[in-house]
N, C-alpha and C. Protein backbone atom coordinates (compact mmCIF):
# COMPACT_ATOMS: atom_id res chain seq x y z
N GLY A 1 1.08 -1.07 -0.22
CA GLY A 1 0.20 0.32 0.00
C GLY A 1 0.79 1.04 0.10
N SER A 2 0.20 2.50 0.29
CA SER A 2 1.07 3.48 0.00
C SER A 2 0.61 4.27 1.28
N GLY A 3 0.29 3.54 2.18
CA GLY A 3 -0.17 4.40 3.56
C GLY A 3 1.25 4.41 4.85
N PRO A 4 1.00 5.01 5.61
CA PRO A 4 2.23 5.47 6.30
C PRO A 4 3.08 4.45 6.69
N GLY A 5 3.02 3.20 6.75
CA GLY A 5 3.81 2.03 6.89
C GLY A 5 4.60 1.65 5.94
N ALA A 6 3.97 2.04 4.30
CA ALA A 6 4.53 1.30 2.99
C ALA A 6 5.83 2.23 2.70
N PRO A 7 6.66 1.25 2.54
CA PRO A 7 7.86 1.72 1.50
C PRO A 7 8.08 2.98 0.95
N PRO A 8 8.69 4.02 1.27
CA PRO A 8 8.24 5.35 0.34
C PRO A 8 8.75 5.00 -1.41
N ASN A 9 9.27 4.05 -1.74
CA ASN A 9 9.35 3.59 -3.31
C ASN A 9 8.08 3.19 -3.85
N THR A 10 7.06 2.51 -2.93
CA THR A 10 5.98 2.31 -3.56
C THR A 10 5.07 3.55 -3.51
N ALA A 11 5.35 4.40 -2.85
CA ALA A 11 4.28 5.65 -2.74
C ALA A 11 4.72 6.33 -4.59
N VAL A 12 6.14 6.28 -4.71
CA VAL A 12 6.68 7.16 -5.61
C VAL A 12 6.16 6.15 -6.80
N ALA A 13 6.27 5.04 -7.15
CA ALA A 13 6.02 4.07 -8.31
C ALA A 13 4.67 4.35 -8.26
N LEU A 14 3.92 4.75 -7.40
CA LEU A 14 2.23 4.80 -7.66
C LEU A 14 1.91 6.34 -8.12
N LEU A 15 2.46 7.13 -7.63
CA LEU A 15 2.36 8.08 -8.23
C LEU A 15 2.72 8.14 -10.01
N LEU A 16 4.07 7.42 -10.21
CA LEU A 16 4.32 7.46 -11.31
C LEU A 16 3.39 6.71 -12.65
N LEU A 17 3.01 5.30 -11.91
CA LEU A 17 1.90 4.69 -12.41
C LEU A 17 0.71 5.60 -12.59
N ALA A 18 0.36 6.36 -12.13
CA ALA A 18 -0.78 7.78 -12.11
C ALA A 18 -0.11 8.59 -13.13
N GLY A 19 0.38 8.51 -13.13
CA GLY A 19 1.08 9.61 -14.31
C GLY A 19 1.24 9.34 -15.57
N VAL A 20 1.77 8.11 -15.74
CA VAL A 20 1.79 7.38 -16.65
C VAL A 20 0.71 7.15 -17.26
N ALA A 21 -0.40 6.56 -16.56
CA ALA A 21 -1.95 6.31 -17.03
C ALA A 21 -2.38 7.69 -17.35
N GLY A 22 -2.13 8.62 -16.68
CA GLY A 22 -2.66 9.69 -16.96
C GLY A 22 -2.51 10.50 -18.55
N ALA A 23 -1.26 10.58 -18.61
CA ALA A 23 -0.69 10.69 -19.78
C ALA A 23 -1.27 10.06 -20.84
N ALA A 24 -1.22 8.44 -20.71
CA ALA A 24 -1.46 7.92 -21.77
C ALA A 24 -2.99 8.22 -22.32
N ALA A 25 -4.09 8.25 -21.39
CA ALA A 25 -5.52 8.57 -21.31
C ALA A 25 -5.60 9.84 -21.76
N ALA A 26 -4.66 11.08 -21.53
CA ALA A 26 -4.92 12.17 -22.82
C ALA A 26 -4.16 12.27 -24.18
N ALA A 27 -3.54 11.27 -24.23
CA ALA A 27 -2.90 11.42 -25.86
C ALA A 27 -4.36 10.43 -26.41
N ALA A 28 -4.97 9.61 -25.62
CA ALA A 28 -6.01 8.49 -26.37
C ALA A 28 -7.06 9.55 -26.94
N ALA A 29 -7.28 10.68 -25.88
CA ALA A 29 -8.31 11.42 -25.91
C ALA A 29 -8.00 12.54 -26.80
N ARG A 30 -6.51 12.88 -26.78
CA ARG A 30 -6.47 14.15 -28.34
C ARG A 30 -6.48 13.38 -29.66
N ALA A 31 -6.19 11.90 -29.51
CA ALA A 31 -6.04 11.28 -30.64
C ALA A 31 -7.30 11.19 -31.35
N ALA A 32 -8.30 10.86 -30.30
CA ALA A 32 -9.79 10.43 -30.88
C ALA A 32 -10.40 11.96 -31.36
N ALA A 33 -10.19 13.24 -30.48
CA ALA A 33 -10.69 14.19 -31.06
C ALA A 33 -9.81 15.00 -32.16
N ALA A 34 -8.36 14.48 -32.71
CA ALA A 34 -8.29 14.63 -33.51
C ALA A 34 -7.64 13.40 -34.73
N PRO A 35 -8.80 12.96 -35.53
CA PRO A 35 -8.38 12.32 -36.20
C PRO A 35 -6.91 12.36 -37.27
N SER A 36 -6.67 13.75 -37.72
CA SER A 36 -5.84 13.56 -38.52
C SER A 36 -4.44 13.24 -37.83
N LEU A 37 -4.65 13.82 -36.56
CA LEU A 37 -3.47 13.60 -35.77
C LEU A 37 -3.20 11.89 -35.52
N ALA A 38 -4.25 11.53 -35.36
CA ALA A 38 -4.26 9.83 -34.80
C ALA A 38 -3.49 9.09 -36.05
N ALA A 39 -4.23 9.58 -37.00
CA ALA A 39 -3.39 8.90 -38.39
C ALA A 39 -2.19 9.36 -38.74
N ALA A 40 -1.37 10.10 -37.81
CA ALA A 40 0.20 10.29 -38.13
C ALA A 40 0.82 9.49 -37.10
N PHE A 41 0.26 8.42 -36.44
CA PHE A 41 1.11 7.33 -35.95
C PHE A 41 0.68 5.66 -36.82
N VAL A 42 1.66 4.97 -36.47
CA VAL A 42 1.49 3.79 -37.36
C VAL A 42 0.45 3.00 -36.58
N SER A 43 0.29 3.11 -35.19
CA SER A 43 -1.19 2.59 -34.82
C SER A 43 -1.33 3.89 -33.90
N ALA A 44 -2.96 4.28 -33.57
CA ALA A 44 -3.46 5.35 -32.51
C ALA A 44 -3.94 4.54 -31.94
N ALA A 45 -3.28 3.23 -31.34
CA ALA A 45 -3.50 2.80 -29.77
C ALA A 45 -2.70 3.76 -28.73
N PRO A 46 -2.89 4.09 -27.73
CA PRO A 46 -2.13 4.78 -26.69
C PRO A 46 -0.96 3.63 -26.53
N PRO A 47 0.06 3.99 -26.41
CA PRO A 47 1.04 3.69 -25.47
C PRO A 47 0.89 2.30 -24.83
N ARG A 48 1.48 1.18 -24.56
CA ARG A 48 0.81 0.25 -24.01
C ARG A 48 1.80 0.59 -22.29
N ILE A 49 1.42 -0.08 -21.23
CA ILE A 49 1.86 0.30 -19.87
C ILE A 49 2.33 -0.96 -19.47
N GLU A 50 3.64 -1.40 -19.31
CA GLU A 50 3.56 -2.60 -18.55
C GLU A 50 4.27 -2.43 -17.48
N LEU A 51 4.03 -3.74 -16.28
CA LEU A 51 4.11 -3.29 -15.37
C LEU A 51 5.07 -4.35 -15.03
N ALA A 52 6.21 -4.04 -13.82
CA ALA A 52 7.42 -4.80 -13.56
C ALA A 52 7.46 -4.66 -12.02
N ALA A 53 8.39 -5.11 -11.70
CA ALA A 53 8.97 -5.06 -10.00
C ALA A 53 10.34 -5.56 -10.10
N ILE A 54 11.56 -4.14 -9.38
CA ILE A 54 12.40 -4.83 -8.82
C ILE A 54 12.53 -4.71 -7.41
N GLY A 55 12.67 -6.07 -6.63
CA GLY A 55 12.75 -6.13 -5.61
C GLY A 55 11.54 -5.69 -5.05
N SER A 56 11.07 -4.82 -3.95
CA SER A 56 9.74 -4.47 -3.46
C SER A 56 9.63 -2.85 -4.22
N LEU A 57 10.35 -2.37 -5.43
CA LEU A 57 9.95 -1.35 -6.25
C LEU A 57 9.17 -1.81 -7.14
N ARG A 58 7.92 -1.39 -7.47
CA ARG A 58 6.80 -1.79 -8.26
C ARG A 58 7.12 -0.50 -9.31
N LEU A 59 7.03 -0.87 -10.50
CA LEU A 59 7.30 0.43 -11.71
C LEU A 59 6.23 -0.05 -12.87
N ALA A 60 5.85 1.20 -13.91
CA ALA A 60 4.85 1.21 -14.66
C ALA A 60 5.93 1.64 -15.50
N VAL A 61 6.09 0.88 -16.81
CA VAL A 61 6.79 1.16 -17.76
C VAL A 61 5.91 1.41 -19.27
N LEU A 62 6.01 2.95 -19.49
CA LEU A 62 5.57 3.04 -20.69
C LEU A 62 6.34 2.68 -21.85
N ARG A 63 6.06 1.51 -22.88
CA ARG A 63 6.17 1.46 -24.28
C ARG A 63 6.27 2.23 -25.34
N ASP A 64 7.18 3.29 -24.65
CA ASP A 64 7.38 4.19 -26.34
C ASP A 64 7.91 3.40 -27.45
N ASP A 65 8.76 2.27 -27.26
CA ASP A 65 9.31 1.99 -28.43
C ASP A 65 8.41 1.14 -29.28
N GLU A 66 6.74 1.32 -29.18
CA GLU A 66 6.08 0.69 -29.73
C GLU A 66 5.11 1.81 -30.45
N THR A 67 5.63 2.72 -30.11
CA THR A 67 5.39 4.07 -31.13
C THR A 67 5.69 4.82 -31.67
N ALA A 68 5.11 4.89 -33.29
CA ALA A 68 6.17 5.29 -34.22
C ALA A 68 5.25 6.26 -35.06
N LEU A 69 5.85 6.75 -35.80
CA LEU A 69 5.29 7.93 -36.57
C LEU A 69 4.73 7.36 -37.82
N ALA A 70 4.11 7.16 -38.64
CA ALA A 70 3.45 6.91 -39.91
C ALA A 70 4.25 7.28 -40.73
N GLY A 71 5.32 6.82 -41.66
CA GLY A 71 6.02 7.07 -43.03
C GLY A 71 7.44 7.62 -42.25
N THR A 72 7.79 7.35 -41.76
CA THR A 72 9.24 7.52 -40.95
C THR A 72 10.27 6.21 -40.81
N ASP A 73 9.79 5.24 -41.52
CA ASP A 73 10.59 3.66 -41.07
C ASP A 73 10.97 3.40 -39.91
N GLY A 74 9.98 3.95 -38.94
CA GLY A 74 10.09 3.59 -37.65
C GLY A 74 11.40 4.25 -36.75
N LEU A 75 11.97 5.34 -37.73
CA LEU A 75 12.60 6.26 -36.95
C LEU A 75 12.50 7.17 -35.98
N VAL A 76 10.78 7.46 -36.48
CA VAL A 76 10.40 8.32 -35.25
C VAL A 76 9.72 7.59 -34.37
N ARG A 77 10.06 7.74 -33.17
CA ARG A 77 9.41 7.08 -31.89
C ARG A 77 9.31 7.39 -30.91
N GLY A 78 8.23 6.85 -30.22
CA GLY A 78 8.28 7.58 -28.33
C GLY A 78 7.91 8.73 -28.12
N ASN A 79 8.96 9.53 -27.63
CA ASN A 79 8.78 10.78 -26.94
C ASN A 79 8.89 11.95 -28.32
N LYS A 80 9.41 11.34 -29.27
CA LYS A 80 9.40 12.21 -30.53
C LYS A 80 8.39 12.09 -31.26
N ALA A 81 8.08 11.00 -31.41
CA ALA A 81 6.62 10.94 -32.44
C ALA A 81 5.39 11.74 -31.54
N ARG A 82 5.55 11.47 -30.47
CA ARG A 82 4.33 12.30 -29.60
C ARG A 82 4.61 13.91 -29.94
N LYS A 83 5.67 14.43 -29.52
CA LYS A 83 6.17 15.83 -29.98
C LYS A 83 5.89 16.27 -31.35
N PHE A 84 6.26 15.59 -31.90
CA PHE A 84 6.59 15.67 -33.92
C PHE A 84 5.42 15.59 -34.24
N ALA A 85 4.52 14.73 -34.09
CA ALA A 85 3.17 14.52 -34.50
C ALA A 85 2.20 15.46 -34.69
N ALA A 86 2.03 16.45 -33.89
CA ALA A 86 0.90 17.41 -34.03
C ALA A 86 1.44 18.69 -34.48
N LEU A 87 3.24 18.87 -34.96
CA LEU A 87 3.77 19.84 -35.59
C LEU A 87 2.90 19.99 -37.17
N PRO A 88 2.78 21.71 -37.12
CA PRO A 88 2.03 21.74 -38.65
C PRO A 88 3.21 21.94 -39.70
N THR A 89 3.30 21.42 -40.20
CA THR A 89 4.38 20.96 -41.21
C THR A 89 3.97 21.28 -43.09
N ASP A 90 2.94 22.24 -43.01
CA ASP A 90 2.65 22.55 -44.19
C ASP A 90 3.72 23.24 -45.15
N ARG A 91 4.45 23.88 -44.41
CA ARG A 91 5.81 24.75 -45.36
C ARG A 91 6.92 24.39 -45.49
N SER A 92 7.67 23.80 -44.06
CA SER A 92 9.02 24.20 -43.84
C SER A 92 9.12 23.69 -42.21
N LEU A 93 10.24 22.64 -41.89
CA LEU A 93 10.88 22.73 -40.48
C LEU A 93 12.04 23.20 -40.07
N ALA A 94 12.47 23.60 -39.00
CA ALA A 94 13.82 24.34 -38.90
C ALA A 94 14.15 23.93 -37.52
N SER A 95 15.25 23.61 -37.27
CA SER A 95 15.72 23.21 -36.04
C SER A 95 17.32 23.26 -35.86
N TYR A 96 17.74 23.51 -34.75
CA TYR A 96 19.58 23.56 -34.71
C TYR A 96 20.37 22.36 -33.91
N GLY A 97 21.32 22.55 -33.60
CA GLY A 97 21.90 21.63 -32.79
C GLY A 97 23.36 20.97 -33.06
N GLY A 98 23.39 19.78 -32.81
CA GLY A 98 24.56 19.46 -32.69
C GLY A 98 24.49 18.32 -34.65
N VAL A 99 25.85 18.40 -34.96
CA VAL A 99 25.93 17.67 -35.87
C VAL A 99 25.47 16.28 -36.36
N GLN A 100 25.67 15.45 -35.16
CA GLN A 100 25.10 14.03 -35.14
C GLN A 100 23.77 13.82 -33.79
N SER A 101 23.08 14.72 -34.18
CA SER A 101 21.27 14.85 -32.86
C SER A 101 20.94 14.00 -33.55
N ASN A 102 20.09 13.22 -32.96
CA ASN A 102 18.95 12.23 -33.12
C ASN A 102 18.11 12.74 -33.31
N ALA A 103 17.53 14.18 -32.48
CA ALA A 103 16.53 14.60 -32.80
C ALA A 103 16.35 15.45 -34.36
N ALA A 104 17.70 15.62 -34.83
CA ALA A 104 17.74 16.12 -35.84
C ALA A 104 17.14 15.02 -36.98
N ALA A 105 18.32 13.98 -36.44
CA ALA A 105 17.85 13.09 -37.68
C ALA A 105 16.18 12.79 -37.54
N ALA A 106 15.46 12.39 -36.41
CA ALA A 106 13.91 12.13 -36.61
C ALA A 106 13.22 13.26 -37.03
N LEU A 107 13.73 14.84 -37.15
CA LEU A 107 12.97 15.32 -37.78
C LEU A 107 13.26 15.43 -39.04
N ALA A 108 14.45 15.09 -39.72
CA ALA A 108 14.59 15.34 -41.11
C ALA A 108 13.74 14.04 -41.86
N ALA A 109 13.42 12.84 -41.16
CA ALA A 109 12.96 11.64 -41.32
C ALA A 109 11.17 11.73 -41.76
N LEU A 110 10.56 13.08 -40.61
CA LEU A 110 9.16 13.52 -40.44
C LEU A 110 9.18 14.45 -41.82
N ALA A 111 10.35 15.24 -42.06
CA ALA A 111 10.14 15.92 -43.27
C ALA A 111 10.14 15.43 -44.35
N ALA A 112 10.62 14.68 -44.85
CA ALA A 112 11.01 13.60 -45.86
C ALA A 112 9.44 12.74 -45.71
N ALA A 113 9.27 12.44 -45.07
CA ALA A 113 7.78 11.61 -44.94
C ALA A 113 6.65 12.91 -45.17
N ARG A 114 6.79 13.65 -44.93
CA ARG A 114 5.17 14.63 -44.99
C ARG A 114 5.80 15.49 -46.30
N GLY A 115 7.00 15.72 -47.30
CA GLY A 115 7.38 16.01 -48.59
C GLY A 115 7.52 17.92 -47.73
N VAL A 116 7.98 17.94 -46.72
CA VAL A 116 8.52 19.12 -46.73
C VAL A 116 9.65 19.64 -46.39
N PRO A 117 10.40 21.00 -47.00
CA PRO A 117 11.88 20.99 -46.38
C PRO A 117 12.62 21.10 -45.02
N PHE A 118 13.37 20.88 -45.03
CA PHE A 118 13.78 20.80 -43.31
C PHE A 118 15.11 21.72 -43.46
N ARG A 119 15.40 22.48 -42.66
CA ARG A 119 16.74 23.68 -43.06
C ARG A 119 17.01 23.05 -40.76
N TYR A 120 18.61 22.46 -41.20
CA TYR A 120 19.32 22.37 -39.80
C TYR A 120 19.95 22.98 -39.30
N TYR A 121 20.39 23.84 -38.61
CA TYR A 121 21.58 25.10 -38.02
C TYR A 121 22.29 24.11 -37.39
N VAL A 122 23.39 24.17 -38.08
CA VAL A 122 25.12 23.34 -37.09
C VAL A 122 25.70 24.21 -36.34
N ARG A 123 25.83 23.79 -34.84
CA ARG A 123 26.46 24.47 -34.18
C ARG A 123 28.05 24.19 -34.47
N GLY A 124 28.67 25.13 -35.25
CA GLY A 124 30.14 25.05 -35.56
C GLY A 124 30.33 24.35 -36.91
N ALA A 125 31.36 24.33 -37.20
CA ALA A 125 31.68 23.69 -38.64
C ALA A 125 31.50 22.15 -38.68
N VAL A 126 30.90 21.43 -39.54
CA VAL A 126 30.83 20.20 -39.28
C VAL A 126 32.23 19.43 -39.58
N PRO A 127 32.61 18.64 -38.88
CA PRO A 127 33.94 18.26 -38.48
C PRO A 127 34.66 17.37 -40.22
N ALA A 128 35.67 17.63 -40.47
CA ALA A 128 36.55 17.14 -41.82
C ALA A 128 35.77 15.96 -41.90
N HIS A 129 36.29 14.92 -41.24
CA HIS A 129 36.15 13.46 -41.21
C HIS A 129 34.85 13.38 -42.18
N LEU A 130 33.66 14.06 -41.16
CA LEU A 130 32.35 13.91 -41.62
C LEU A 130 32.00 14.38 -42.88
N ALA A 131 32.25 15.61 -43.27
CA ALA A 131 32.26 16.04 -44.27
C ALA A 131 33.01 15.11 -45.61
N ARG A 132 33.96 14.72 -45.51
CA ARG A 132 34.31 13.53 -46.55
C ARG A 132 33.58 12.16 -46.61
N GLU A 133 33.35 11.71 -45.39
CA GLU A 133 32.80 10.30 -45.02
C GLU A 133 31.47 10.60 -44.42
N PRO A 134 30.19 10.93 -44.88
CA PRO A 134 29.07 11.26 -43.83
C PRO A 134 28.94 9.66 -43.20
N THR A 135 28.72 9.73 -41.95
CA THR A 135 28.15 8.73 -41.02
C THR A 135 27.24 8.99 -40.20
N GLY A 136 26.34 8.21 -39.27
CA GLY A 136 25.66 8.28 -38.48
C GLY A 136 24.49 9.35 -38.68
N ASN A 137 23.80 10.22 -37.69
CA ASN A 137 22.88 11.00 -37.82
C ASN A 137 23.11 11.92 -39.07
N TYR A 138 24.38 12.29 -39.07
CA TYR A 138 24.84 13.06 -40.20
C TYR A 138 24.54 12.63 -41.66
N ALA A 139 24.79 11.43 -41.89
CA ALA A 139 24.70 10.65 -43.06
C ALA A 139 22.92 10.77 -43.19
N ALA A 140 22.41 10.45 -42.39
CA ALA A 140 20.77 10.42 -42.07
C ALA A 140 20.18 11.78 -42.70
N LEU A 141 20.72 12.73 -42.27
CA LEU A 141 20.13 14.22 -42.28
C LEU A 141 20.58 14.41 -43.71
N LEU A 142 21.67 14.12 -44.60
CA LEU A 142 21.82 14.61 -46.11
C LEU A 142 20.96 13.45 -46.78
N ALA A 143 20.82 12.20 -46.37
CA ALA A 143 20.02 11.46 -47.32
C ALA A 143 18.87 11.60 -47.32
N ARG A 144 18.39 12.60 -46.10
CA ARG A 144 16.76 12.46 -46.36
C ARG A 144 16.49 14.22 -46.86
N GLY A 145 17.82 15.06 -47.47
CA GLY A 145 17.55 16.20 -48.08
C GLY A 145 17.58 17.23 -47.23
N ALA A 146 18.17 17.19 -46.22
CA ALA A 146 18.17 18.52 -45.08
C ALA A 146 18.77 19.35 -45.64
N THR A 147 18.56 20.43 -45.53
CA THR A 147 19.54 21.68 -45.78
C THR A 147 20.35 22.13 -44.32
N LEU A 148 21.59 21.95 -44.35
CA LEU A 148 22.46 22.05 -43.23
C LEU A 148 22.97 23.60 -43.58
N VAL A 149 23.14 24.14 -42.66
CA VAL A 149 23.64 25.32 -42.28
C VAL A 149 24.76 25.62 -41.28
N GLU A 150 25.83 25.58 -41.41
CA GLU A 150 27.00 26.20 -40.39
C GLU A 150 27.03 27.36 -40.04
N LEU A 151 26.90 27.49 -38.52
CA LEU A 151 26.59 28.22 -37.93
C LEU A 151 28.30 28.50 -36.81
N GLU A 152 28.46 29.91 -36.67
CA GLU A 152 29.61 30.37 -35.74
C GLU A 152 29.11 30.10 -34.48
N ARG A 153 29.79 29.26 -33.59
CA ARG A 153 29.37 29.48 -31.87
C ARG A 153 29.07 30.53 -31.13
N GLY A 154 27.88 31.03 -30.84
CA GLY A 154 27.38 31.90 -30.26
C GLY A 154 26.10 32.68 -31.46
N ALA A 155 26.06 32.18 -32.39
CA ALA A 155 24.72 32.77 -33.76
C ALA A 155 23.86 32.07 -33.22
N LEU A 156 23.54 31.24 -32.57
CA LEU A 156 21.94 30.24 -32.53
C LEU A 156 20.80 31.43 -32.09
N GLY A 157 21.25 31.72 -31.07
CA GLY A 157 20.09 32.89 -30.71
C GLY A 157 20.10 33.96 -32.26
N TYR A 158 20.66 34.66 -32.76
CA TYR A 158 20.35 35.48 -33.83
C TYR A 158 19.28 34.59 -34.45
N VAL A 159 19.79 33.47 -34.77
CA VAL A 159 18.86 32.59 -36.00
C VAL A 159 17.84 32.35 -35.29
N ALA A 160 17.19 32.07 -34.20
CA ALA A 160 16.06 31.84 -33.55
C ALA A 160 15.04 33.01 -34.12
N LEU A 161 15.62 34.05 -33.06
CA LEU A 161 15.15 35.48 -33.27
C LEU A 161 15.04 35.67 -34.81
N ARG A 162 15.82 35.09 -35.71
CA ARG A 162 15.38 35.39 -37.62
C ARG A 162 14.23 34.90 -37.87
N ALA A 163 14.65 33.39 -37.41
CA ALA A 163 13.42 32.09 -37.76
C ALA A 163 11.60 32.94 -37.45
N TYR A 164 12.18 33.01 -35.68
CA TYR A 164 10.74 34.07 -35.59
C TYR A 164 10.28 34.87 -35.90
N GLY A 165 11.18 36.15 -36.26
CA GLY A 165 10.45 36.99 -37.30
C GLY A 165 10.05 36.96 -38.59
N GLU A 166 10.99 36.30 -39.19
CA GLU A 166 10.22 35.90 -40.57
C GLU A 166 9.22 35.07 -40.46
N GLY A 167 8.78 34.39 -39.19
CA GLY A 167 7.46 33.58 -39.33
C GLY A 167 6.22 34.63 -39.01
N ARG A 168 6.79 35.73 -38.11
CA ARG A 168 5.72 36.95 -38.01
C ARG A 168 5.59 37.68 -39.17
N ARG A 169 6.39 37.90 -40.26
CA ARG A 169 6.28 38.55 -41.40
C ARG A 169 5.20 37.53 -42.51
N GLY A 170 5.27 36.42 -42.46
CA GLY A 170 4.74 35.43 -43.10
C GLY A 170 5.57 34.71 -44.08
N ALA A 171 6.95 35.01 -44.34
CA ALA A 171 7.72 34.68 -45.19
C ALA A 171 8.35 33.67 -45.23
N LEU A 172 8.59 33.16 -43.94
CA LEU A 172 9.25 31.76 -43.70
C LEU A 172 8.49 30.93 -42.91
N ARG A 173 7.86 31.29 -41.31
CA ARG A 173 7.22 30.49 -40.76
C ARG A 173 7.50 29.21 -40.29
N PRO A 174 8.50 28.63 -40.18
CA PRO A 174 8.36 27.01 -39.81
C PRO A 174 8.31 27.65 -38.13
N PRO A 175 7.86 25.65 -37.85
CA PRO A 175 8.02 25.63 -36.47
C PRO A 175 9.60 25.17 -36.22
N PHE A 176 10.07 26.38 -35.67
CA PHE A 176 11.32 26.22 -35.21
C PHE A 176 11.47 25.85 -33.77
N LEU A 177 12.30 24.23 -34.05
CA LEU A 177 12.51 23.50 -32.56
C LEU A 177 13.98 23.75 -32.20
N PRO A 178 14.00 23.87 -31.00
CA PRO A 178 15.18 23.71 -30.24
C PRO A 178 15.57 22.07 -29.89
C-alpha cells in the first residue's frame, strides 16, 4: 500500500503509474478528438503500459518503443513521435543543434515523410572527417534532403530570433524546434 507504513518507493511508483496512465489517457483523448493527428501514428492506440518489479519497487513502464510516426520507417518513435506528430508541417521545418543529433535525424525523417523542406542549423563547422565520409545521424540528415547551415558558435540566438521574425511576417514561418 501507500499508507504511513508503506515503503517510500511504493508511493513513488504509484505516483509514477498514475502519471503515466494519465498521460496515456490524455494522448488517447487527443488522438480521438483529432483524427488527422491519430492518422500520423502507425497505431492510434495509446502506448502500452507494462508493469514490472525490482525487489519491493513496483514500476509502470511506458512502452514508447512501440509508438512510431507513419511514413518515417520507424525512425521517429516514443516521445519524439508524440512531440512531432502535432507539428504543422505545411511549409517547412527548422531546428538547430549538434551535427550528430538524434532529434535532427528524426525531424529529417518526418520532413521527408511529409514532403516539406527541413533546414538544420549546425553548431560550429561540420568536422572534416564527417564532411568527407558522412556517417551516423549526419549521413541520415543528408540522405533525407535536409539543408544544413553551419553557424559560428554563439550565433544560435540570432538564428532563432530571425526565424521567429520571418515567421511573424509570413515569409518563412517554420516551426522552429530547439
